[in-house]
Amino acid sequence: MNLFTSTAGWQTLGLLMLSNVFMTVAWYGHLKDLASKPWWIAALISWGIALFEYLLQVPANRIGYGAGISLAQLKITQEVITLAVFVPFSMFYMGQPFKTDFIWAGLCLMGAVYFIFRSA
């Protein structure tokens, strides 16, 4: 199935993008915002944020899989979205510098996308 030719594909992409925003904030936001708090407070807050990730990610995967997107295609799509969300988050929110390694990682993921989707 082509992600970009069906409503289910677009729903899957949209939900995975939103889910990834919550995931990235849950996994890494505490490093900036809760650095002075005990780890268990950061963990509880992160789990609370991650709940919203799962409330979006689980339906996204069910919609996509039910529409014929393979498990491998869902996973590679998730990884591409993860990098696309992580790079701006790390630069703009966490104040990290841009690295050319982000480009190389993206190119490697594009290779993975090619191989996973080529027979679709």
PDB file of N, CA and C in Angstrom:
ATOM      1  N   MET A   1       0.841  -1.190   0.000  1.00  0.00           N
ATOM      2  CA  MET A   1       0.000   0.000   0.000  1.00  0.00           C
ATOM      3  C   MET A   1       0.878   1.241   0.000  1.00  0.00           C
ATOM      4  N   ASN A   2       0.484   2.233  -0.749  1.00  0.00           N
ATOM      5  CA  ASN A   2       1.186   3.506  -0.766  1.00  0.00           C
ATOM      6  C   ASN A   2       0.579   4.406   0.306  1.00  0.00           C
ATOM      7  N   LEU A   3       1.432   4.882   1.205  1.00  0.00           N
ATOM      8  CA  LEU A   3       0.952   5.720   2.310  1.00  0.00           C
ATOM      9  C   LEU A   3       0.239   6.979   1.841  1.00  0.00           C
ATOM     10  N   PHE A   4       0.615   7.489   0.681  1.00  0.00           N
ATOM     11  CA  PHE A   4       0.136   8.794   0.259  1.00  0.00           C
ATOM     12  C   PHE A   4      -1.078   8.744  -0.662  1.00  0.00           C
ATOM     13  N   THR A   5      -1.644   7.562  -0.884  1.00  0.00           N
ATOM     14  CA  THR A   5      -2.774   7.476  -1.813  1.00  0.00           C
ATOM     15  C   THR A   5      -4.085   7.095  -1.140  1.00  0.00           C
ATOM     16  N   SER A   6      -4.097   7.039   0.177  1.00  0.00           N
ATOM     17  CA  SER A   6      -5.354   6.669   0.844  1.00  0.00           C
ATOM     18  C   SER A   6      -5.554   7.507   2.098  1.00  0.00           C
ATOM     19  N   THR A   7      -6.791   7.610   2.480  1.00  0.00           N
ATOM     20  CA  THR A   7      -7.125   8.310   3.720  1.00  0.00           C
ATOM     21  C   THR A   7      -6.478   7.621   4.914  1.00  0.00           C
ATOM     22  N   ALA A   8      -6.501   6.284   4.919  1.00  0.00           N
ATOM     23  CA  ALA A   8      -5.899   5.536   6.027  1.00  0.00           C
ATOM     24  C   ALA A   8      -4.407   5.807   6.113  1.00  0.00           C
ATOM     25  N   GLY A   9      -3.742   5.922   4.964  1.00  0.00           N
ATOM     26  CA  GLY A   9      -2.306   6.229   4.964  1.00  0.00           C
ATOM     27  C   GLY A   9      -2.027   7.598   5.564  1.00  0.00           C
ATOM     28  N   TRP A  10      -2.814   8.585   5.182  1.00  0.00           N
ATOM     29  CA  TRP A  10      -2.634   9.942   5.717  1.00  0.00           C
ATOM     30  C   TRP A  10      -2.975   9.991   7.217  1.00  0.00           C
ATOM     31  N   GLN A  11      -4.025   9.268   7.620  1.00  0.00           N
ATOM     32  CA  GLN A  11      -4.355   9.208   9.046  1.00  0.00           C
ATOM     33  C   GLN A  11      -3.200   8.589   9.828  1.00  0.00           C
ATOM     34  N   THR A  12      -2.653   7.517   9.288  1.00  0.00           N
ATOM     35  CA  THR A  12      -1.533   6.843   9.939  1.00  0.00           C
ATOM     36  C   THR A  12      -0.352   7.798  10.086  1.00  0.00           C
ATOM     37  N   LEU A  13       0.017   8.480   9.008  1.00  0.00           N
ATOM     38  CA  LEU A  13       1.140   9.426   9.063  1.00  0.00           C
ATOM     39  C   LEU A  13       0.884  10.547  10.063  1.00  0.00           C
ATOM     40  N   GLY A  14      -0.300  11.119  10.029  1.00  0.00           N
ATOM     41  CA  GLY A  14      -0.617  12.224  10.942  1.00  0.00           C
ATOM     42  C   GLY A  14      -0.559  11.806  12.400  1.00  0.00           C
ATOM     43  N   LEU A  15      -1.175  10.668  12.701  1.00  0.00           N
ATOM     44  CA  LEU A  15      -1.161  10.181  14.086  1.00  0.00           C
ATOM     45  C   LEU A  15       0.250   9.814  14.535  1.00  0.00           C
ATOM     46  N   LEU A  16       1.039   9.214  13.642  1.00  0.00           N
ATOM     47  CA  LEU A  16       2.423   8.877  14.005  1.00  0.00           C
ATOM     48  C   LEU A  16       3.253  10.136  14.243  1.00  0.00           C
ATOM     49  N   MET A  17       3.022  11.177  13.460  1.00  0.00           N
ATOM     50  CA  MET A  17       3.755  12.440  13.679  1.00  0.00           C
ATOM     51  C   MET A  17       3.417  13.038  15.038  1.00  0.00           C
ATOM     52  N   LEU A  18       2.134  13.118  15.341  1.00  0.00           N
ATOM     53  CA  LEU A  18       1.728  13.658  16.643  1.00  0.00           C
ATOM     54  C   LEU A  18       2.242  12.792  17.784  1.00  0.00           C
ATOM     55  N   SER A  19       2.160  11.509  17.623  1.00  0.00           N
ATOM     56  CA  SER A  19       2.650  10.587  18.646  1.00  0.00           C
ATOM     57  C   SER A  19       4.136  10.799  18.893  1.00  0.00           C
ATOM     58  N   ASN A  20       4.873  11.044  17.827  1.00  0.00           N
ATOM     59  CA  ASN A  20       6.306  11.250  17.949  1.00  0.00           C
ATOM     60  C   ASN A  20       6.662  12.526  18.686  1.00  0.00           C
ATOM     61  N   VAL A  21       5.854  13.559  18.528  1.00  0.00           N
ATOM     62  CA  VAL A  21       6.100  14.787  19.285  1.00  0.00           C
ATOM     63  C   VAL A  21       6.002  14.489  20.783  1.00  0.00           C
ATOM     64  N   PHE A  22       4.951  13.787  21.186  1.00  0.00           N
ATOM     65  CA  PHE A  22       4.814  13.423  22.597  1.00  0.00           C
ATOM     66  C   PHE A  22       5.952  12.518  23.052  1.00  0.00           C
ATOM     67  N   MET A  23       6.337  11.553  22.206  1.00  0.00           N
ATOM     68  CA  MET A  23       7.413  10.632  22.562  1.00  0.00           C
ATOM     69  C   MET A  23       8.715  11.389  22.788  1.00  0.00           C
ATOM     70  N   THR A  24       9.030  12.289  21.886  1.00  0.00           N
ATOM     71  CA  THR A  24      10.292  13.023  21.991  1.00  0.00           C
ATOM     72  C   THR A  24      10.318  13.890  23.240  1.00  0.00           C
ATOM     73  N   VAL A  25       9.213  14.557  23.532  1.00  0.00           N
ATOM     74  CA  VAL A  25       9.141  15.377  24.747  1.00  0.00           C
ATOM     75  C   VAL A  25       9.246  14.492  25.989  1.00  0.00           C
ATOM     76  N   ALA A  26       8.562  13.354  25.975  1.00  0.00           N
ATOM     77  CA  ALA A  26       8.604  12.446  27.128  1.00  0.00           C
ATOM     78  C   ALA A  26      10.007  11.887  27.348  1.00  0.00           C
ATOM     79  N   TRP A  27      10.680  11.515  26.281  1.00  0.00           N
ATOM     80  CA  TRP A  27      11.994  10.886  26.404  1.00  0.00           C
ATOM     81  C   TRP A  27      13.110  11.867  26.728  1.00  0.00           C
ATOM     82  N   TYR A  28      13.022  13.096  26.174  1.00  0.00           N
ATOM     83  CA  TYR A  28      14.161  14.004  26.282  1.00  0.00           C
ATOM     84  C   TYR A  28      13.870  15.355  26.928  1.00  0.00           C
ATOM     85  N   GLY A  29      12.613  15.768  26.986  1.00  0.00           N
ATOM     86  CA  GLY A  29      12.284  17.078  27.543  1.00  0.00           C
ATOM     87  C   GLY A  29      12.694  17.239  28.992  1.00  0.00           C
ATOM     88  N   HIS A  30      12.654  16.164  29.756  1.00  0.00           N
ATOM     89  CA  HIS A  30      13.021  16.237  31.178  1.00  0.00           C
ATOM     90  C   HIS A  30      14.489  16.573  31.376  1.00  0.00           C
ATOM     91  N   LEU A  31      15.317  16.328  30.366  1.00  0.00           N
ATOM     92  CA  LEU A  31      16.741  16.644  30.494  1.00  0.00           C
ATOM     93  C   LEU A  31      16.957  18.146  30.635  1.00  0.00           C
ATOM     94  N   LYS A  32      16.045  18.925  30.073  1.00  0.00           N
ATOM     95  CA  LYS A  32      16.130  20.377  30.176  1.00  0.00           C
ATOM     96  C   LYS A  32      15.246  20.905  31.307  1.00  0.00           C
ATOM     97  N   ASP A  33      14.000  20.465  31.314  1.00  0.00           N
ATOM     98  CA  ASP A  33      13.010  21.056  32.211  1.00  0.00           C
ATOM     99  C   ASP A  33      13.034  20.518  33.638  1.00  0.00           C
ATOM    100  N   LEU A  34      13.471  19.296  33.806  1.00  0.00           N
ATOM    101  CA  LEU A  34      13.413  18.678  35.137  1.00  0.00           C
ATOM    102  C   LEU A  34      14.789  18.237  35.631  1.00  0.00           C
ATOM    103  N   ALA A  35      15.827  18.868  35.115  1.00  0.00           N
ATOM    104  CA  ALA A  35      17.197  18.456  35.449  1.00  0.00           C
ATOM    105  C   ALA A  35      17.488  18.551  36.945  1.00  0.00           C
ATOM    106  N   SER A  36      16.835  19.462  37.622  1.00  0.00           N
ATOM    107  CA  SER A  36      17.103  19.637  39.058  1.00  0.00           C
ATOM    108  C   SER A  36      16.203  18.767  39.939  1.00  0.00           C
ATOM    109  N   LYS A  37      15.281  18.054  39.333  1.00  0.00           N
ATOM    110  CA  LYS A  37      14.353  17.204  40.084  1.00  0.00           C
ATOM    111  C   LYS A  37      14.911  15.781  40.187  1.00  0.00           C
ATOM    112  N   PRO A  38      14.472  15.009  41.183  1.00  0.00           N
ATOM    113  CA  PRO A  38      14.882  13.601  41.261  1.00  0.00           C
ATOM    114  C   PRO A  38      14.416  12.838  40.016  1.00  0.00           C
ATOM    115  N   TRP A  39      15.142  11.787  39.669  1.00  0.00           N
ATOM    116  CA  TRP A  39      14.844  11.033  38.451  1.00  0.00           C
ATOM    117  C   TRP A  39      13.434  10.463  38.454  1.00  0.00           C
ATOM    118  N   TRP A  40      12.940  10.066  39.625  1.00  0.00           N
ATOM    119  CA  TRP A  40      11.634   9.423  39.670  1.00  0.00           C
ATOM    120  C   TRP A  40      10.505  10.413  39.368  1.00  0.00           C
ATOM    121  N   ILE A  41      10.707  11.675  39.692  1.00  0.00           N
ATOM    122  CA  ILE A  41       9.721  12.699  39.327  1.00  0.00           C
ATOM    123  C   ILE A  41       9.722  12.871  37.806  1.00  0.00           C
ATOM    124  N   ALA A  42      10.920  12.930  37.229  1.00  0.00           N
ATOM    125  CA  ALA A  42      11.026  13.033  35.768  1.00  0.00           C
ATOM    126  C   ALA A  42      10.382  11.813  35.108  1.00  0.00           C
ATOM    127  N   ALA A  43      10.588  10.629  35.696  1.00  0.00           N
ATOM    128  CA  ALA A  43      10.011   9.405  35.127  1.00  0.00           C
ATOM    129  C   ALA A  43       8.488   9.452  35.181  1.00  0.00           C
ATOM    130  N   LEU A  44       7.924   9.873  36.295  1.00  0.00           N
ATOM    131  CA  LEU A  44       6.461   9.938  36.405  1.00  0.00           C
ATOM    132  C   LEU A  44       5.861  10.940  35.423  1.00  0.00           C
ATOM    133  N   ILE A  45       6.489  12.096  35.312  1.00  0.00           N
ATOM    134  CA  ILE A  45       5.997  13.100  34.367  1.00  0.00           C
ATOM    135  C   ILE A  45       6.150  12.598  32.934  1.00  0.00           C
ATOM    136  N   SER A  46       7.287  11.968  32.643  1.00  0.00           N
ATOM    137  CA  SER A  46       7.506  11.413  31.301  1.00  0.00           C
ATOM    138  C   SER A  46       6.484  10.336  30.976  1.00  0.00           C
ATOM    139  N   TRP A  47       6.167   9.481  31.934  1.00  0.00           N
ATOM    140  CA  TRP A  47       5.144   8.455  31.705  1.00  0.00           C
ATOM    141  C   TRP A  47       3.791   9.087  31.416  1.00  0.00           C
ATOM    142  N   GLY A  48       3.490  10.175  32.123  1.00  0.00           N
ATOM    143  CA  GLY A  48       2.234  10.879  31.859  1.00  0.00           C
ATOM    144  C   GLY A  48       2.172  11.435  30.449  1.00  0.00           C
ATOM    145  N   ILE A  49       3.292  11.989  29.981  1.00  0.00           N
ATOM    146  CA  ILE A  49       3.358  12.511  28.612  1.00  0.00           C
ATOM    147  C   ILE A  49       3.293  11.358  27.610  1.00  0.00           C
ATOM    148  N   ALA A  50       3.991  10.264  27.938  1.00  0.00           N
ATOM    149  CA  ALA A  50       4.034   9.108  27.035  1.00  0.00           C
ATOM    150  C   ALA A  50       2.660   8.466  26.860  1.00  0.00           C
ATOM    151  N   LEU A  51       1.783   8.630  27.825  1.00  0.00           N
ATOM    152  CA  LEU A  51       0.427   8.107  27.671  1.00  0.00           C
ATOM    153  C   LEU A  51      -0.209   8.669  26.406  1.00  0.00           C
ATOM    154  N   PHE A  52      -0.013   9.974  26.167  1.00  0.00           N
ATOM    155  CA  PHE A  52      -0.583  10.593  24.971  1.00  0.00           C
ATOM    156  C   PHE A  52       0.084  10.062  23.709  1.00  0.00           C
ATOM    157  N   GLU A  53       1.382   9.737  23.810  1.00  0.00           N
ATOM    158  CA  GLU A  53       2.053   9.105  22.682  1.00  0.00           C
ATOM    159  C   GLU A  53       1.342   7.810  22.309  1.00  0.00           C
ATOM    160  N   TYR A  54       1.089   6.971  23.295  1.00  0.00           N
ATOM    161  CA  TYR A  54       0.455   5.676  23.041  1.00  0.00           C
ATOM    162  C   TYR A  54      -0.991   5.818  22.593  1.00  0.00           C
ATOM    163  N   LEU A  55      -1.691   6.831  23.094  1.00  0.00           N
ATOM    164  CA  LEU A  55      -3.071   7.045  22.673  1.00  0.00           C
ATOM    165  C   LEU A  55      -3.172   7.429  21.200  1.00  0.00           C
ATOM    166  N   LEU A  56      -2.066   7.903  20.632  1.00  0.00           N
ATOM    167  CA  LEU A  56      -2.017   8.229  19.210  1.00  0.00           C
ATOM    168  C   LEU A  56      -1.335   7.135  18.388  1.00  0.00           C
ATOM    169  N   GLN A  57      -0.278   6.560  18.946  1.00  0.00           N
ATOM    170  CA  GLN A  57       0.522   5.573  18.218  1.00  0.00           C
ATOM    171  C   GLN A  57      -0.225   4.259  18.000  1.00  0.00           C
ATOM    172  N   VAL A  58      -0.926   3.790  19.005  1.00  0.00           N
ATOM    173  CA  VAL A  58      -1.637   2.514  18.865  1.00  0.00           C
ATOM    174  C   VAL A  58      -2.712   2.607  17.775  1.00  0.00           C
ATOM    175  N   PRO A  59      -3.582   3.626  17.780  1.00  0.00           N
ATOM    176  CA  PRO A  59      -4.546   3.713  16.676  1.00  0.00           C
ATOM    177  C   PRO A  59      -3.870   3.909  15.313  1.00  0.00           C
ATOM    178  N   ALA A  60      -2.770   4.662  15.280  1.00  0.00           N
ATOM    179  CA  ALA A  60      -2.063   4.864  14.007  1.00  0.00           C
ATOM    180  C   ALA A  60      -1.623   3.531  13.419  1.00  0.00           C
ATOM    181  N   ASN A  61      -1.008   2.708  14.239  1.00  0.00           N
ATOM    182  CA  ASN A  61      -0.540   1.414  13.747  1.00  0.00           C
ATOM    183  C   ASN A  61      -1.692   0.490  13.383  1.00  0.00           C
ATOM    184  N   ARG A  62      -2.782   0.545  14.135  1.00  0.00           N
ATOM    185  CA  ARG A  62      -3.944  -0.289  13.806  1.00  0.00           C
ATOM    186  C   ARG A  62      -4.580   0.147  12.496  1.00  0.00           C
ATOM    187  N   ILE A  63      -4.709   1.460  12.297  1.00  0.00           N
ATOM    188  CA  ILE A  63      -5.288   1.966  11.049  1.00  0.00           C
ATOM    189  C   ILE A  63      -4.400   1.565   9.874  1.00  0.00           C
ATOM    190  N   GLY A  64      -3.108   1.811   9.993  1.00  0.00           N
ATOM    191  CA  GLY A  64      -2.182   1.495   8.904  1.00  0.00           C
ATOM    192  C   GLY A  64      -2.120   0.014   8.598  1.00  0.00           C
ATOM    193  N   TYR A  65      -1.988  -0.793   9.628  1.00  0.00           N
ATOM    194  CA  TYR A  65      -1.885  -2.247   9.433  1.00  0.00           C
ATOM    195  C   TYR A  65      -3.175  -2.805   8.844  1.00  0.00           C
ATOM    196  N   GLY A  66      -4.307  -2.294   9.328  1.00  0.00           N
ATOM    197  CA  GLY A  66      -5.599  -2.734   8.804  1.00  0.00           C
ATOM    198  C   GLY A  66      -5.810  -2.338   7.349  1.00  0.00           C
ATOM    199  N   ALA A  67      -5.126  -1.269   6.922  1.00  0.00           N
ATOM    200  CA  ALA A  67      -5.260  -0.799   5.543  1.00  0.00           C
ATOM    201  C   ALA A  67      -4.233  -1.442   4.615  1.00  0.00           C
ATOM    202  N   GLY A  68      -3.406  -2.328   5.163  1.00  0.00           N
ATOM    203  CA  GLY A  68      -2.463  -3.043   4.314  1.00  0.00           C
ATOM    204  C   GLY A  68      -1.026  -2.567   4.369  1.00  0.00           C
ATOM    205  N   ILE A  69      -0.712  -1.643   5.259  1.00  0.00           N
ATOM    206  CA  ILE A  69       0.684  -1.244   5.439  1.00  0.00           C
ATOM    207  C   ILE A  69       1.349  -2.332   6.271  1.00  0.00           C
ATOM    208  N   SER A  70       2.457  -2.859   5.783  1.00  0.00           N
ATOM    209  CA  SER A  70       3.100  -3.972   6.481  1.00  0.00           C
ATOM    210  C   SER A  70       3.730  -3.504   7.796  1.00  0.00           C
ATOM    211  N   LEU A  71       4.002  -4.459   8.637  1.00  0.00           N
ATOM    212  CA  LEU A  71       4.650  -4.169   9.914  1.00  0.00           C
ATOM    213  C   LEU A  71       5.993  -3.476   9.700  1.00  0.00           C
ATOM    214  N   ALA A  72       6.789  -3.980   8.759  1.00  0.00           N
ATOM    215  CA  ALA A  72       8.093  -3.371   8.472  1.00  0.00           C
ATOM    216  C   ALA A  72       7.936  -1.950   7.936  1.00  0.00           C
ATOM    217  N   GLN A  73       6.922  -1.728   7.096  1.00  0.00           N
ATOM    218  CA  GLN A  73       6.680  -0.390   6.570  1.00  0.00           C
ATOM    219  C   GLN A  73       6.265   0.570   7.679  1.00  0.00           C
ATOM    220  N   LEU A  74       5.437   0.104   8.603  1.00  0.00           N
ATOM    221  CA  LEU A  74       5.051   0.946   9.740  1.00  0.00           C
ATOM    222  C   LEU A  74       6.274   1.320  10.566  1.00  0.00           C
ATOM    223  N   LYS A  75       7.154   0.353  10.812  1.00  0.00           N
ATOM    224  CA  LYS A  75       8.330   0.611  11.650  1.00  0.00           C
ATOM    225  C   LYS A  75       9.290   1.590  10.982  1.00  0.00           C
ATOM    226  N   ILE A  76       9.568   1.404   9.704  1.00  0.00           N
ATOM    227  CA  ILE A  76      10.481   2.314   9.012  1.00  0.00           C
ATOM    228  C   ILE A  76       9.877   3.711   8.921  1.00  0.00           C
ATOM    229  N   THR A  77       8.582   3.783   8.671  1.00  0.00           N
ATOM    230  CA  THR A  77       7.902   5.085   8.654  1.00  0.00           C
ATOM    231  C   THR A  77       8.070   5.772   9.999  1.00  0.00           C
ATOM    232  N   GLN A  78       7.886   5.022  11.076  1.00  0.00           N
ATOM    233  CA  GLN A  78       8.049   5.564  12.426  1.00  0.00           C
ATOM    234  C   GLN A  78       9.468   6.097  12.635  1.00  0.00           C
ATOM    235  N   GLU A  79      10.470   5.379  12.151  1.00  0.00           N
ATOM    236  CA  GLU A  79      11.861   5.809  12.334  1.00  0.00           C
ATOM    237  C   GLU A  79      12.154   7.089  11.565  1.00  0.00           C
ATOM    238  N   VAL A  80      11.617   7.217  10.353  1.00  0.00           N
ATOM    239  CA  VAL A  80      11.812   8.444   9.575  1.00  0.00           C
ATOM    240  C   VAL A  80      11.163   9.622  10.293  1.00  0.00           C
ATOM    241  N   ILE A  81       9.949   9.414  10.775  1.00  0.00           N
ATOM    242  CA  ILE A  81       9.253  10.477  11.510  1.00  0.00           C
ATOM    243  C   ILE A  81      10.016  10.826  12.779  1.00  0.00           C
ATOM    244  N   THR A  82      10.551   9.828  13.460  1.00  0.00           N
ATOM    245  CA  THR A  82      11.325  10.072  14.686  1.00  0.00           C
ATOM    246  C   THR A  82      12.476  11.022  14.413  1.00  0.00           C
ATOM    247  N   LEU A  83      13.238  10.773  13.360  1.00  0.00           N
ATOM    248  CA  LEU A  83      14.359  11.652  13.033  1.00  0.00           C
ATOM    249  C   LEU A  83      13.867  13.040  12.627  1.00  0.00           C
ATOM    250  N   ALA A  84      12.779  13.085  11.865  1.00  0.00           N
ATOM    251  CA  ALA A  84      12.233  14.372  11.419  1.00  0.00           C
ATOM    252  C   ALA A  84      11.729  15.216  12.582  1.00  0.00           C
ATOM    253  N   VAL A  85      11.261  14.586  13.638  1.00  0.00           N
ATOM    254  CA  VAL A  85      10.808  15.312  14.829  1.00  0.00           C
ATOM    255  C   VAL A  85      11.990  15.613  15.750  1.00  0.00           C
ATOM    256  N   PHE A  86      12.902  14.654  15.882  1.00  0.00           N
ATOM    257  CA  PHE A  86      14.009  14.792  16.824  1.00  0.00           C
ATOM    258  C   PHE A  86      14.974  15.920  16.450  1.00  0.00           C
ATOM    259  N   VAL A  87      15.308  16.052  15.185  1.00  0.00           N
ATOM    260  CA  VAL A  87      16.296  17.062  14.785  1.00  0.00           C
ATOM    261  C   VAL A  87      15.824  18.472  15.148  1.00  0.00           C
ATOM    262  N   PRO A  88      14.621  18.899  14.754  1.00  0.00           N
ATOM    263  CA  PRO A  88      14.194  20.242  15.174  1.00  0.00           C
ATOM    264  C   PRO A  88      14.060  20.372  16.699  1.00  0.00           C
ATOM    265  N   PHE A  89      13.572  19.318  17.353  1.00  0.00           N
ATOM    266  CA  PHE A  89      13.452  19.353  18.814  1.00  0.00           C
ATOM    267  C   PHE A  89      14.816  19.570  19.450  1.00  0.00           C
ATOM    268  N   SER A  90      15.802  18.822  19.007  1.00  0.00           N
ATOM    269  CA  SER A  90      17.125  18.939  19.627  1.00  0.00           C
ATOM    270  C   SER A  90      17.745  20.302  19.361  1.00  0.00           C
ATOM    271  N   MET A  91      17.493  20.860  18.182  1.00  0.00           N
ATOM    272  CA  MET A  91      18.080  22.158  17.846  1.00  0.00           C
ATOM    273  C   MET A  91      17.332  23.318  18.511  1.00  0.00           C
ATOM    274  N   PHE A  92      16.013  23.348  18.343  1.00  0.00           N
ATOM    275  CA  PHE A  92      15.256  24.526  18.767  1.00  0.00           C
ATOM    276  C   PHE A  92      14.852  24.479  20.243  1.00  0.00           C
ATOM    277  N   TYR A  93      14.532  23.310  20.742  1.00  0.00           N
ATOM    278  CA  TYR A  93      14.093  23.215  22.136  1.00  0.00           C
ATOM    279  C   TYR A  93      15.263  22.959  23.082  1.00  0.00           C
ATOM    280  N   MET A  94      16.143  22.053  22.686  1.00  0.00           N
ATOM    281  CA  MET A  94      17.260  21.686  23.559  1.00  0.00           C
ATOM    282  C   MET A  94      18.511  22.519  23.289  1.00  0.00           C
ATOM    283  N   GLY A  95      18.509  23.307  22.224  1.00  0.00           N
ATOM    284  CA  GLY A  95      19.642  24.185  21.935  1.00  0.00           C
ATOM    285  C   GLY A  95      20.893  23.471  21.438  1.00  0.00           C
ATOM    286  N   GLN A  96      20.730  22.294  20.857  1.00  0.00           N
ATOM    287  CA  GLN A  96      21.862  21.536  20.323  1.00  0.00           C
ATOM    288  C   GLN A  96      22.204  22.049  18.924  1.00  0.00           C
ATOM    289  N   PRO A  97      23.467  22.018  18.551  1.00  0.00           N
ATOM    290  CA  PRO A  97      23.826  22.474  17.196  1.00  0.00           C
ATOM    291  C   PRO A  97      23.431  21.448  16.145  1.00  0.00           C
ATOM    292  N   PHE A  98      23.190  21.945  14.925  1.00  0.00           N
ATOM    293  CA  PHE A  98      22.941  21.038  13.808  1.00  0.00           C
ATOM    294  C   PHE A  98      24.229  20.302  13.491  1.00  0.00           C
ATOM    295  N   LYS A  99      24.107  19.012  13.188  1.00  0.00           N
ATOM    296  CA  LYS A  99      25.269  18.208  12.827  1.00  0.00           C
ATOM    297  C   LYS A  99      25.025  17.566  11.462  1.00  0.00           C
ATOM    298  N   THR A 100      26.058  17.495  10.672  1.00  0.00           N
ATOM    299  CA  THR A 100      25.904  16.842   9.370  1.00  0.00           C
ATOM    300  C   THR A 100      25.558  15.364   9.541  1.00  0.00           C
ATOM    301  N   ASP A 101      25.832  14.806  10.706  1.00  0.00           N
ATOM    302  CA  ASP A 101      25.439  13.412  10.967  1.00  0.00           C
ATOM    303  C   ASP A 101      23.931  13.233  10.846  1.00  0.00           C
ATOM    304  N   PHE A 102      23.156  14.283  11.100  1.00  0.00           N
ATOM    305  CA  PHE A 102      21.710  14.197  10.924  1.00  0.00           C
ATOM    306  C   PHE A 102      21.387  13.909   9.450  1.00  0.00           C
ATOM    307  N   ILE A 103      22.123  14.532   8.551  1.00  0.00           N
ATOM    308  CA  ILE A 103      21.907  14.314   7.120  1.00  0.00           C
ATOM    309  C   ILE A 103      22.263  12.878   6.751  1.00  0.00           C
ATOM    310  N   TRP A 104      23.402  12.415   7.243  1.00  0.00           N
ATOM    311  CA  TRP A 104      23.831  11.044   6.931  1.00  0.00           C
ATOM    312  C   TRP A 104      22.831  10.032   7.487  1.00  0.00           C
ATOM    313  N   ALA A 105      22.349  10.265   8.696  1.00  0.00           N
ATOM    314  CA  ALA A 105      21.350   9.361   9.280  1.00  0.00           C
ATOM    315  C   ALA A 105      20.084   9.369   8.436  1.00  0.00           C
ATOM    316  N   GLY A 106      19.672  10.544   7.990  1.00  0.00           N
ATOM    317  CA  GLY A 106      18.493  10.650   7.141  1.00  0.00           C
ATOM    318  C   GLY A 106      18.669   9.916   5.819  1.00  0.00           C
ATOM    319  N   LEU A 107      19.841  10.010   5.236  1.00  0.00           N
ATOM    320  CA  LEU A 107      20.108   9.293   3.986  1.00  0.00           C
ATOM    321  C   LEU A 107      20.082   7.781   4.200  1.00  0.00           C
ATOM    322  N   CYS A 108      20.615   7.328   5.318  1.00  0.00           N
ATOM    323  CA  CYS A 108      20.549   5.895   5.629  1.00  0.00           C
ATOM    324  C   CYS A 108      19.099   5.445   5.779  1.00  0.00           C
ATOM    325  N   LEU A 109      18.292   6.270   6.444  1.00  0.00           N
ATOM    326  CA  LEU A 109      16.875   5.930   6.588  1.00  0.00           C
ATOM    327  C   LEU A 109      16.164   5.915   5.245  1.00  0.00           C
ATOM    328  N   MET A 110      16.551   6.806   4.350  1.00  0.00           N
ATOM    329  CA  MET A 110      15.934   6.809   3.025  1.00  0.00           C
ATOM    330  C   MET A 110      16.258   5.506   2.294  1.00  0.00           C
ATOM    331  N   GLY A 111      17.455   4.976   2.497  1.00  0.00           N
ATOM    332  CA  GLY A 111      17.782   3.670   1.937  1.00  0.00           C
ATOM    333  C   GLY A 111      16.879   2.594   2.515  1.00  0.00           C
ATOM    334  N   ALA A 112      16.651   2.656   3.826  1.00  0.00           N
ATOM    335  CA  ALA A 112      15.762   1.688   4.476  1.00  0.00           C
ATOM    336  C   ALA A 112      14.342   1.810   3.923  1.00  0.00           C
ATOM    337  N   VAL A 113      13.890   3.035   3.717  1.00  0.00           N
ATOM    338  CA  VAL A 113      12.558   3.261   3.146  1.00  0.00           C
ATOM    339  C   VAL A 113      12.476   2.623   1.762  1.00  0.00           C
ATOM    340  N   TYR A 114      13.492   2.840   0.962  1.00  0.00           N
ATOM    341  CA  TYR A 114      13.498   2.263  -0.386  1.00  0.00           C
ATOM    342  C   TYR A 114      13.343   0.744  -0.331  1.00  0.00           C
ATOM    343  N   PHE A 115      14.159   0.097   0.480  1.00  0.00           N
ATOM    344  CA  PHE A 115      14.123  -1.359   0.502  1.00  0.00           C
ATOM    345  C   PHE A 115      12.822  -1.920   1.094  1.00  0.00           C
ATOM    346  N   ILE A 116      12.266  -1.249   2.092  1.00  0.00           N
ATOM    347  CA  ILE A 116      11.037  -1.741   2.709  1.00  0.00           C
ATOM    348  C   ILE A 116       9.823  -1.514   1.807  1.00  0.00           C
ATOM    349  N   PHE A 117       9.820  -0.404   1.062  1.00  0.00           N
ATOM    350  CA  PHE A 117       8.645  -0.075   0.244  1.00  0.00           C
ATOM    351  C   PHE A 117       8.795  -0.480  -1.227  1.00  0.00           C
ATOM    352  N   ARG A 118       9.935  -0.961  -1.664  1.00  0.00           N
ATOM    353  CA  ARG A 118      10.129  -1.227  -3.092  1.00  0.00           C
ATOM    354  C   ARG A 118       9.216  -2.302  -3.657  1.00  0.00           C
ATOM    355  N   SER A 119       8.821  -3.257  -2.841  1.00  0.00           N
ATOM    356  CA  SER A 119       7.946  -4.310  -3.373  1.00  0.00           C
ATOM    357  C   SER A 119       6.470  -4.006  -3.157  1.00  0.00           C
ATOM    358  N   ALA A 120       6.188  -2.874  -2.574  1.00  0.00           N
ATOM    359  CA  ALA A 120       4.775  -2.520  -2.281  1.00  0.00           C
ATOM    360  C   ALA A 120       4.044  -2.081  -3.518  1.00  0.00           C
TER     361      ALA A 120
END
